[in-house]
Amino acid sequence: MKGGTSWNGFWNTGIEEDVSLVLTSASFVMNLRISIVSWRSMFQMRLNGTDGYGVVSGRNRSYGNQTYTFGPRWGWQNAPSQAASETLELETDGNNAFIRETRALLFPEDNPNGEWPRPGTAAEAFRCMQLLENIRATLGLRANYSS
Protein backbone atom coordinates (compact mmCIF):
# COMPACT_ATOMS: atom_id res chain seq x y z
CA MET A 1 0.00 0.00 0.00
CA LYS A 2 1.36 3.40 -1.01
CA GLY A 3 -1.05 5.52 1.00
CA GLY A 4 -4.55 6.59 1.69
CA THR A 5 -6.93 8.50 3.86
CA SER A 6 -10.10 7.81 5.81
CA TRP A 7 -12.86 9.77 7.47
CA ASN A 8 -15.56 8.76 9.94
CA GLY A 9 -17.28 11.93 11.08
CA PHE A 10 -20.82 11.85 9.69
CA TRP A 11 -22.56 8.79 11.12
CA ASN A 12 -20.12 8.43 14.05
CA THR A 13 -20.28 4.66 13.71
CA GLY A 14 -16.74 4.03 14.91
CA ILE A 15 -15.78 2.65 11.49
CA GLU A 16 -14.35 4.35 8.43
CA GLU A 17 -17.17 5.97 6.45
CA ASP A 18 -15.12 7.19 3.48
CA VAL A 19 -11.80 5.63 2.47
CA SER A 20 -9.44 6.34 -0.44
CA LEU A 21 -6.47 4.02 -1.00
CA VAL A 22 -3.58 3.66 -3.43
CA LEU A 23 -2.48 0.03 -3.63
CA THR A 24 0.45 -1.24 -5.68
CA SER A 25 2.00 -4.49 -6.79
CA ALA A 26 4.83 -5.33 -9.14
CA SER A 27 2.51 -5.14 -12.15
CA PHE A 28 -0.28 -2.66 -11.37
CA VAL A 29 -1.52 0.32 -9.39
CA MET A 30 -5.04 0.40 -7.93
CA ASN A 31 -6.97 3.45 -6.75
CA LEU A 32 -9.79 2.37 -4.48
CA ARG A 33 -12.61 4.51 -3.07
CA ILE A 34 -15.23 3.16 -0.70
CA SER A 35 -17.86 5.40 0.86
CA ILE A 36 -21.10 5.06 2.78
CA VAL A 37 -21.66 8.82 2.63
CA SER A 38 -21.57 9.55 -1.11
CA TRP A 39 -25.40 9.73 -1.20
CA ARG A 40 -25.82 7.92 -4.50
CA SER A 41 -25.70 4.15 -4.78
CA MET A 42 -22.90 3.44 -7.23
CA PHE A 43 -20.66 0.53 -8.10
CA GLN A 44 -17.98 0.91 -10.74
CA MET A 45 -14.65 -0.73 -11.53
CA ARG A 46 -12.41 0.66 -14.25
CA LEU A 47 -9.61 -1.61 -15.44
CA ASN A 48 -6.87 -0.36 -17.75
CA GLY A 49 -4.72 -2.79 -19.69
CA THR A 50 -2.13 -2.52 -22.42
CA ASP A 51 -4.63 -3.21 -25.24
CA GLY A 52 -7.67 -1.45 -23.86
CA TYR A 53 -9.87 -0.97 -20.82
CA GLY A 54 -12.92 -2.44 -19.24
CA VAL A 55 -15.62 -0.90 -17.09
CA VAL A 56 -17.91 -2.87 -14.80
CA SER A 57 -20.86 -0.80 -13.54
CA GLY A 58 -23.96 -1.50 -11.50
CA ARG A 59 -24.92 -4.22 -9.06
CA ASN A 60 -28.69 -4.52 -9.54
CA ARG A 61 -31.45 -2.76 -7.59
CA SER A 62 -30.71 0.95 -7.06
CA TYR A 63 -27.27 0.50 -8.65
CA GLY A 64 -28.82 -0.44 -11.99
CA ASN A 65 -28.13 -3.46 -14.16
CA GLN A 66 -24.58 -4.74 -14.08
CA THR A 67 -22.73 -4.09 -17.33
CA TYR A 68 -19.29 -4.81 -18.69
CA THR A 69 -18.05 -2.46 -21.41
CA PHE A 70 -14.76 -2.87 -23.32
CA GLY A 71 -12.92 -0.08 -25.07
CA PRO A 72 -9.84 -0.55 -27.26
CA ARG A 73 -6.68 1.42 -26.67
CA TRP A 74 -6.84 4.66 -28.66
CA GLY A 75 -10.28 3.66 -29.92
CA TRP A 76 -10.95 7.24 -31.01
CA GLN A 77 -8.55 6.69 -33.93
CA ASN A 78 -10.98 4.29 -35.61
CA ALA A 79 -14.32 5.71 -34.47
CA PRO A 80 -16.01 9.11 -34.26
CA SER A 81 -15.19 9.22 -30.52
CA GLN A 82 -13.72 7.12 -27.73
CA ALA A 83 -17.25 6.34 -26.48
CA ALA A 84 -18.28 5.20 -29.99
CA SER A 85 -15.40 2.69 -30.02
CA GLU A 86 -16.66 0.95 -26.86
CA THR A 87 -18.56 -2.33 -26.94
CA LEU A 88 -21.15 -3.43 -24.39
CA GLU A 89 -19.98 -7.01 -23.77
CA LEU A 90 -22.42 -8.06 -21.05
CA GLU A 91 -25.49 -6.79 -19.24
CA THR A 92 -27.36 -8.63 -16.51
CA ASP A 93 -30.02 -7.72 -13.98
CA GLY A 94 -28.10 -9.83 -11.43
CA ASN A 95 -31.23 -11.58 -10.19
CA ASN A 96 -29.59 -15.03 -10.38
CA ALA A 97 -26.25 -14.05 -8.82
CA PHE A 98 -26.99 -15.68 -5.45
CA ILE A 99 -28.18 -18.87 -7.13
CA ARG A 100 -25.03 -19.07 -9.31
CA GLU A 101 -22.72 -18.38 -6.34
CA THR A 102 -24.46 -21.01 -4.21
CA ARG A 103 -24.30 -23.60 -7.01
CA ALA A 104 -20.59 -22.87 -7.51
CA LEU A 105 -19.99 -23.43 -3.80
CA LEU A 106 -22.11 -26.55 -3.35
CA PHE A 107 -21.73 -28.22 -6.76
CA PRO A 108 -18.30 -27.37 -8.22
CA GLU A 109 -18.44 -30.51 -10.42
CA ASP A 110 -21.33 -28.89 -12.33
CA ASN A 111 -19.04 -26.04 -13.38
CA PRO A 112 -16.46 -27.73 -15.64
CA ASN A 113 -15.98 -24.69 -17.92
CA GLY A 114 -15.64 -22.18 -15.09
CA GLU A 115 -18.85 -20.33 -16.00
CA TRP A 116 -19.68 -19.51 -12.38
CA PRO A 117 -17.46 -17.68 -9.92
CA ARG A 118 -15.08 -19.92 -8.01
CA PRO A 119 -15.47 -19.67 -4.23
CA GLY A 120 -12.51 -18.09 -2.50
CA THR A 121 -10.11 -20.29 -0.59
CA ALA A 122 -9.19 -19.93 3.06
CA ALA A 123 -5.70 -18.81 1.98
CA GLU A 124 -7.19 -16.07 -0.23
CA ALA A 125 -9.45 -14.93 2.60
CA PHE A 126 -6.44 -14.81 4.95
CA ARG A 127 -4.48 -12.67 2.45
CA CYS A 128 -7.43 -10.27 2.30
CA MET A 129 -7.40 -9.98 6.08
CA GLN A 130 -3.63 -9.35 6.01
CA LEU A 131 -4.16 -6.58 3.43
CA LEU A 132 -6.85 -5.03 5.64
CA GLU A 133 -4.49 -5.12 8.63
CA ASN A 134 -1.75 -3.50 6.52
CA ILE A 135 -4.14 -0.76 5.41
CA ARG A 136 -5.29 -0.09 8.98
CA ALA A 137 -1.70 0.06 10.23
CA THR A 138 -0.61 2.39 7.41
CA LEU A 139 -3.55 4.74 8.01
CA GLY A 140 -3.12 4.57 11.79
CA LEU A 141 -6.57 3.06 12.32
CA ARG A 142 -7.53 0.80 15.17
CA ALA A 143 -8.81 -2.67 14.46
CA ASN A 144 -12.59 -3.00 14.82
CA TYR A 145 -13.12 -6.51 16.07
CA SER A 146 -16.28 -7.67 17.80
CA SER A 147 -15.87 -10.11 20.62
C-alpha atoms as a PDB file:
ATOM      1  CA  MET A   1       0.000   0.000   0.000  1.00  0.00           C
ATOM      2  CA  LYS A   2       1.360   3.396  -1.011  1.00  0.00           C
ATOM      3  CA  GLY A   3      -1.051   5.516   1.004  1.00  0.00           C
ATOM      4  CA  GLY A   4      -4.554   6.588   1.685  1.00  0.00           C
ATOM      5  CA  THR A   5      -6.926   8.502   3.864  1.00  0.00           C
ATOM      6  CA  SER A   6     -10.097   7.809   5.808  1.00  0.00           C
ATOM      7  CA  TRP A   7     -12.865   9.768   7.467  1.00  0.00           C
ATOM      8  CA  ASN A   8     -15.556   8.757   9.938  1.00  0.00           C
ATOM      9  CA  GLY A   9     -17.284  11.935  11.075  1.00  0.00           C
ATOM     10  CA  PHE A  10     -20.817  11.849   9.689  1.00  0.00           C
ATOM     11  CA  TRP A  11     -22.555   8.790  11.118  1.00  0.00           C
ATOM     12  CA  ASN A  12     -20.120   8.427  14.055  1.00  0.00           C
ATOM     13  CA  THR A  13     -20.279   4.662  13.711  1.00  0.00           C
ATOM     14  CA  GLY A  14     -16.735   4.035  14.909  1.00  0.00           C
ATOM     15  CA  ILE A  15     -15.781   2.655  11.490  1.00  0.00           C
ATOM     16  CA  GLU A  16     -14.353   4.354   8.432  1.00  0.00           C
ATOM     17  CA  GLU A  17     -17.171   5.967   6.448  1.00  0.00           C
ATOM     18  CA  ASP A  18     -15.121   7.190   3.479  1.00  0.00           C
ATOM     19  CA  VAL A  19     -11.800   5.630   2.465  1.00  0.00           C
ATOM     20  CA  SER A  20      -9.437   6.340  -0.436  1.00  0.00           C
ATOM     21  CA  LEU A  21      -6.465   4.021  -1.001  1.00  0.00           C
ATOM     22  CA  VAL A  22      -3.577   3.663  -3.430  1.00  0.00           C
ATOM     23  CA  LEU A  23      -2.478   0.030  -3.626  1.00  0.00           C
ATOM     24  CA  THR A  24       0.454  -1.243  -5.684  1.00  0.00           C
ATOM     25  CA  SER A  25       1.998  -4.492  -6.789  1.00  0.00           C
ATOM     26  CA  ALA A  26       4.832  -5.334  -9.142  1.00  0.00           C
ATOM     27  CA  SER A  27       2.511  -5.141 -12.150  1.00  0.00           C
ATOM     28  CA  PHE A  28      -0.280  -2.660 -11.369  1.00  0.00           C
ATOM     29  CA  VAL A  29      -1.525   0.316  -9.389  1.00  0.00           C
ATOM     30  CA  MET A  30      -5.040   0.396  -7.930  1.00  0.00           C
ATOM     31  CA  ASN A  31      -6.968   3.451  -6.748  1.00  0.00           C
ATOM     32  CA  LEU A  32      -9.794   2.367  -4.482  1.00  0.00           C
ATOM     33  CA  ARG A  33     -12.612   4.514  -3.074  1.00  0.00           C
ATOM     34  CA  ILE A  34     -15.227   3.164  -0.703  1.00  0.00           C
ATOM     35  CA  SER A  35     -17.865   5.397   0.858  1.00  0.00           C
ATOM     36  CA  ILE A  36     -21.097   5.064   2.782  1.00  0.00           C
ATOM     37  CA  VAL A  37     -21.659   8.820   2.627  1.00  0.00           C
ATOM     38  CA  SER A  38     -21.566   9.550  -1.115  1.00  0.00           C
ATOM     39  CA  TRP A  39     -25.399   9.730  -1.205  1.00  0.00           C
ATOM     40  CA  ARG A  40     -25.817   7.920  -4.503  1.00  0.00           C
ATOM     41  CA  SER A  41     -25.699   4.146  -4.784  1.00  0.00           C
ATOM     42  CA  MET A  42     -22.897   3.440  -7.230  1.00  0.00           C
ATOM     43  CA  PHE A  43     -20.661   0.532  -8.103  1.00  0.00           C
ATOM     44  CA  GLN A  44     -17.981   0.912 -10.737  1.00  0.00           C
ATOM     45  CA  MET A  45     -14.648  -0.731 -11.529  1.00  0.00           C
ATOM     46  CA  ARG A  46     -12.410   0.661 -14.246  1.00  0.00           C
ATOM     47  CA  LEU A  47      -9.611  -1.613 -15.435  1.00  0.00           C
ATOM     48  CA  ASN A  48      -6.872  -0.365 -17.750  1.00  0.00           C
ATOM     49  CA  GLY A  49      -4.724  -2.795 -19.693  1.00  0.00           C
ATOM     50  CA  THR A  50      -2.130  -2.518 -22.423  1.00  0.00           C
ATOM     51  CA  ASP A  51      -4.627  -3.211 -25.241  1.00  0.00           C
ATOM     52  CA  GLY A  52      -7.674  -1.449 -23.860  1.00  0.00           C
ATOM     53  CA  TYR A  53      -9.871  -0.968 -20.823  1.00  0.00           C
ATOM     54  CA  GLY A  54     -12.924  -2.444 -19.237  1.00  0.00           C
ATOM     55  CA  VAL A  55     -15.618  -0.902 -17.086  1.00  0.00           C
ATOM     56  CA  VAL A  56     -17.909  -2.867 -14.795  1.00  0.00           C
ATOM     57  CA  SER A  57     -20.865  -0.798 -13.544  1.00  0.00           C
ATOM     58  CA  GLY A  58     -23.956  -1.501 -11.497  1.00  0.00           C
ATOM     59  CA  ARG A  59     -24.919  -4.215  -9.056  1.00  0.00           C
ATOM     60  CA  ASN A  60     -28.690  -4.515  -9.537  1.00  0.00           C
ATOM     61  CA  ARG A  61     -31.450  -2.759  -7.593  1.00  0.00           C
ATOM     62  CA  SER A  62     -30.707   0.949  -7.058  1.00  0.00           C
ATOM     63  CA  TYR A  63     -27.268   0.503  -8.650  1.00  0.00           C
ATOM     64  CA  GLY A  64     -28.817  -0.436 -11.989  1.00  0.00           C
ATOM     65  CA  ASN A  65     -28.125  -3.464 -14.157  1.00  0.00           C
ATOM     66  CA  GLN A  66     -24.577  -4.736 -14.081  1.00  0.00           C
ATOM     67  CA  THR A  67     -22.734  -4.090 -17.333  1.00  0.00           C
ATOM     68  CA  TYR A  68     -19.292  -4.810 -18.692  1.00  0.00           C
ATOM     69  CA  THR A  69     -18.049  -2.464 -21.414  1.00  0.00           C
ATOM     70  CA  PHE A  70     -14.760  -2.866 -23.316  1.00  0.00           C
ATOM     71  CA  GLY A  71     -12.922  -0.083 -25.067  1.00  0.00           C
ATOM     72  CA  PRO A  72      -9.841  -0.551 -27.259  1.00  0.00           C
ATOM     73  CA  ARG A  73      -6.676   1.418 -26.667  1.00  0.00           C
ATOM     74  CA  TRP A  74      -6.842   4.658 -28.662  1.00  0.00           C
ATOM     75  CA  GLY A  75     -10.278   3.661 -29.920  1.00  0.00           C
ATOM     76  CA  TRP A  76     -10.954   7.242 -31.011  1.00  0.00           C
ATOM     77  CA  GLN A  77      -8.552   6.691 -33.932  1.00  0.00           C
ATOM     78  CA  ASN A  78     -10.978   4.287 -35.613  1.00  0.00           C
ATOM     79  CA  ALA A  79     -14.322   5.705 -34.471  1.00  0.00           C
ATOM     80  CA  PRO A  80     -16.009   9.111 -34.258  1.00  0.00           C
ATOM     81  CA  SER A  81     -15.186   9.221 -30.516  1.00  0.00           C
ATOM     82  CA  GLN A  82     -13.722   7.117 -27.728  1.00  0.00           C
ATOM     83  CA  ALA A  83     -17.253   6.339 -26.485  1.00  0.00           C
ATOM     84  CA  ALA A  84     -18.283   5.199 -29.990  1.00  0.00           C
ATOM     85  CA  SER A  85     -15.399   2.693 -30.022  1.00  0.00           C
ATOM     86  CA  GLU A  86     -16.657   0.954 -26.858  1.00  0.00           C
ATOM     87  CA  THR A  87     -18.556  -2.332 -26.937  1.00  0.00           C
ATOM     88  CA  LEU A  88     -21.146  -3.433 -24.387  1.00  0.00           C
ATOM     89  CA  GLU A  89     -19.983  -7.009 -23.765  1.00  0.00           C
ATOM     90  CA  LEU A  90     -22.420  -8.062 -21.055  1.00  0.00           C
ATOM     91  CA  GLU A  91     -25.490  -6.792 -19.243  1.00  0.00           C
ATOM     92  CA  THR A  92     -27.363  -8.626 -16.506  1.00  0.00           C
ATOM     93  CA  ASP A  93     -30.020  -7.725 -13.975  1.00  0.00           C
ATOM     94  CA  GLY A  94     -28.105  -9.825 -11.431  1.00  0.00           C
ATOM     95  CA  ASN A  95     -31.233 -11.579 -10.189  1.00  0.00           C
ATOM     96  CA  ASN A  96     -29.592 -15.027 -10.381  1.00  0.00           C
ATOM     97  CA  ALA A  97     -26.253 -14.054  -8.819  1.00  0.00           C
ATOM     98  CA  PHE A  98     -26.994 -15.679  -5.450  1.00  0.00           C
ATOM     99  CA  ILE A  99     -28.175 -18.872  -7.125  1.00  0.00           C
ATOM    100  CA  ARG A 100     -25.030 -19.072  -9.309  1.00  0.00           C
ATOM    101  CA  GLU A 101     -22.723 -18.383  -6.342  1.00  0.00           C
ATOM    102  CA  THR A 102     -24.462 -21.014  -4.205  1.00  0.00           C
ATOM    103  CA  ARG A 103     -24.304 -23.599  -7.013  1.00  0.00           C
ATOM    104  CA  ALA A 104     -20.592 -22.867  -7.511  1.00  0.00           C
ATOM    105  CA  LEU A 105     -19.989 -23.428  -3.798  1.00  0.00           C
ATOM    106  CA  LEU A 106     -22.106 -26.554  -3.352  1.00  0.00           C
ATOM    107  CA  PHE A 107     -21.728 -28.223  -6.762  1.00  0.00           C
ATOM    108  CA  PRO A 108     -18.303 -27.368  -8.222  1.00  0.00           C
ATOM    109  CA  GLU A 109     -18.440 -30.510 -10.418  1.00  0.00           C
ATOM    110  CA  ASP A 110     -21.334 -28.894 -12.329  1.00  0.00           C
ATOM    111  CA  ASN A 111     -19.036 -26.044 -13.379  1.00  0.00           C
ATOM    112  CA  PRO A 112     -16.456 -27.727 -15.643  1.00  0.00           C
ATOM    113  CA  ASN A 113     -15.976 -24.694 -17.915  1.00  0.00           C
ATOM    114  CA  GLY A 114     -15.643 -22.178 -15.093  1.00  0.00           C
ATOM    115  CA  GLU A 115     -18.851 -20.334 -15.996  1.00  0.00           C
ATOM    116  CA  TRP A 116     -19.677 -19.514 -12.382  1.00  0.00           C
ATOM    117  CA  PRO A 117     -17.458 -17.685  -9.917  1.00  0.00           C
ATOM    118  CA  ARG A 118     -15.078 -19.923  -8.015  1.00  0.00           C
ATOM    119  CA  PRO A 119     -15.474 -19.670  -4.231  1.00  0.00           C
ATOM    120  CA  GLY A 120     -12.507 -18.092  -2.496  1.00  0.00           C
ATOM    121  CA  THR A 121     -10.108 -20.295  -0.592  1.00  0.00           C
ATOM    122  CA  ALA A 122      -9.185 -19.932   3.056  1.00  0.00           C
ATOM    123  CA  ALA A 123      -5.696 -18.809   1.977  1.00  0.00           C
ATOM    124  CA  GLU A 124      -7.192 -16.065  -0.229  1.00  0.00           C
ATOM    125  CA  ALA A 125      -9.450 -14.929   2.602  1.00  0.00           C
ATOM    126  CA  PHE A 126      -6.444 -14.810   4.945  1.00  0.00           C
ATOM    127  CA  ARG A 127      -4.477 -12.673   2.447  1.00  0.00           C
ATOM    128  CA  CYS A 128      -7.433 -10.268   2.297  1.00  0.00           C
ATOM    129  CA  MET A 129      -7.399  -9.983   6.083  1.00  0.00           C
ATOM    130  CA  GLN A 130      -3.632  -9.354   6.008  1.00  0.00           C
ATOM    131  CA  LEU A 131      -4.157  -6.580   3.433  1.00  0.00           C
ATOM    132  CA  LEU A 132      -6.849  -5.030   5.640  1.00  0.00           C
ATOM    133  CA  GLU A 133      -4.495  -5.116   8.635  1.00  0.00           C
ATOM    134  CA  ASN A 134      -1.749  -3.499   6.521  1.00  0.00           C
ATOM    135  CA  ILE A 135      -4.141  -0.756   5.410  1.00  0.00           C
ATOM    136  CA  ARG A 136      -5.290  -0.090   8.979  1.00  0.00           C
ATOM    137  CA  ALA A 137      -1.696   0.056  10.230  1.00  0.00           C
ATOM    138  CA  THR A 138      -0.609   2.394   7.405  1.00  0.00           C
ATOM    139  CA  LEU A 139      -3.550   4.744   8.013  1.00  0.00           C
ATOM    140  CA  GLY A 140      -3.117   4.570  11.793  1.00  0.00           C
ATOM    141  CA  LEU A 141      -6.570   3.065  12.320  1.00  0.00           C
ATOM    142  CA  ARG A 142      -7.532   0.803  15.168  1.00  0.00           C
ATOM    143  CA  ALA A 143      -8.813  -2.671  14.461  1.00  0.00           C
ATOM    144  CA  ASN A 144     -12.587  -2.999  14.823  1.00  0.00           C
ATOM    145  CA  TYR A 145     -13.121  -6.506  16.066  1.00  0.00           C
ATOM    146  CA  SER A 146     -16.278  -7.668  17.804  1.00  0.00           C
ATOM    147  CA  SER A 147     -15.872 -10.110  20.623  1.00  0.00           C
END
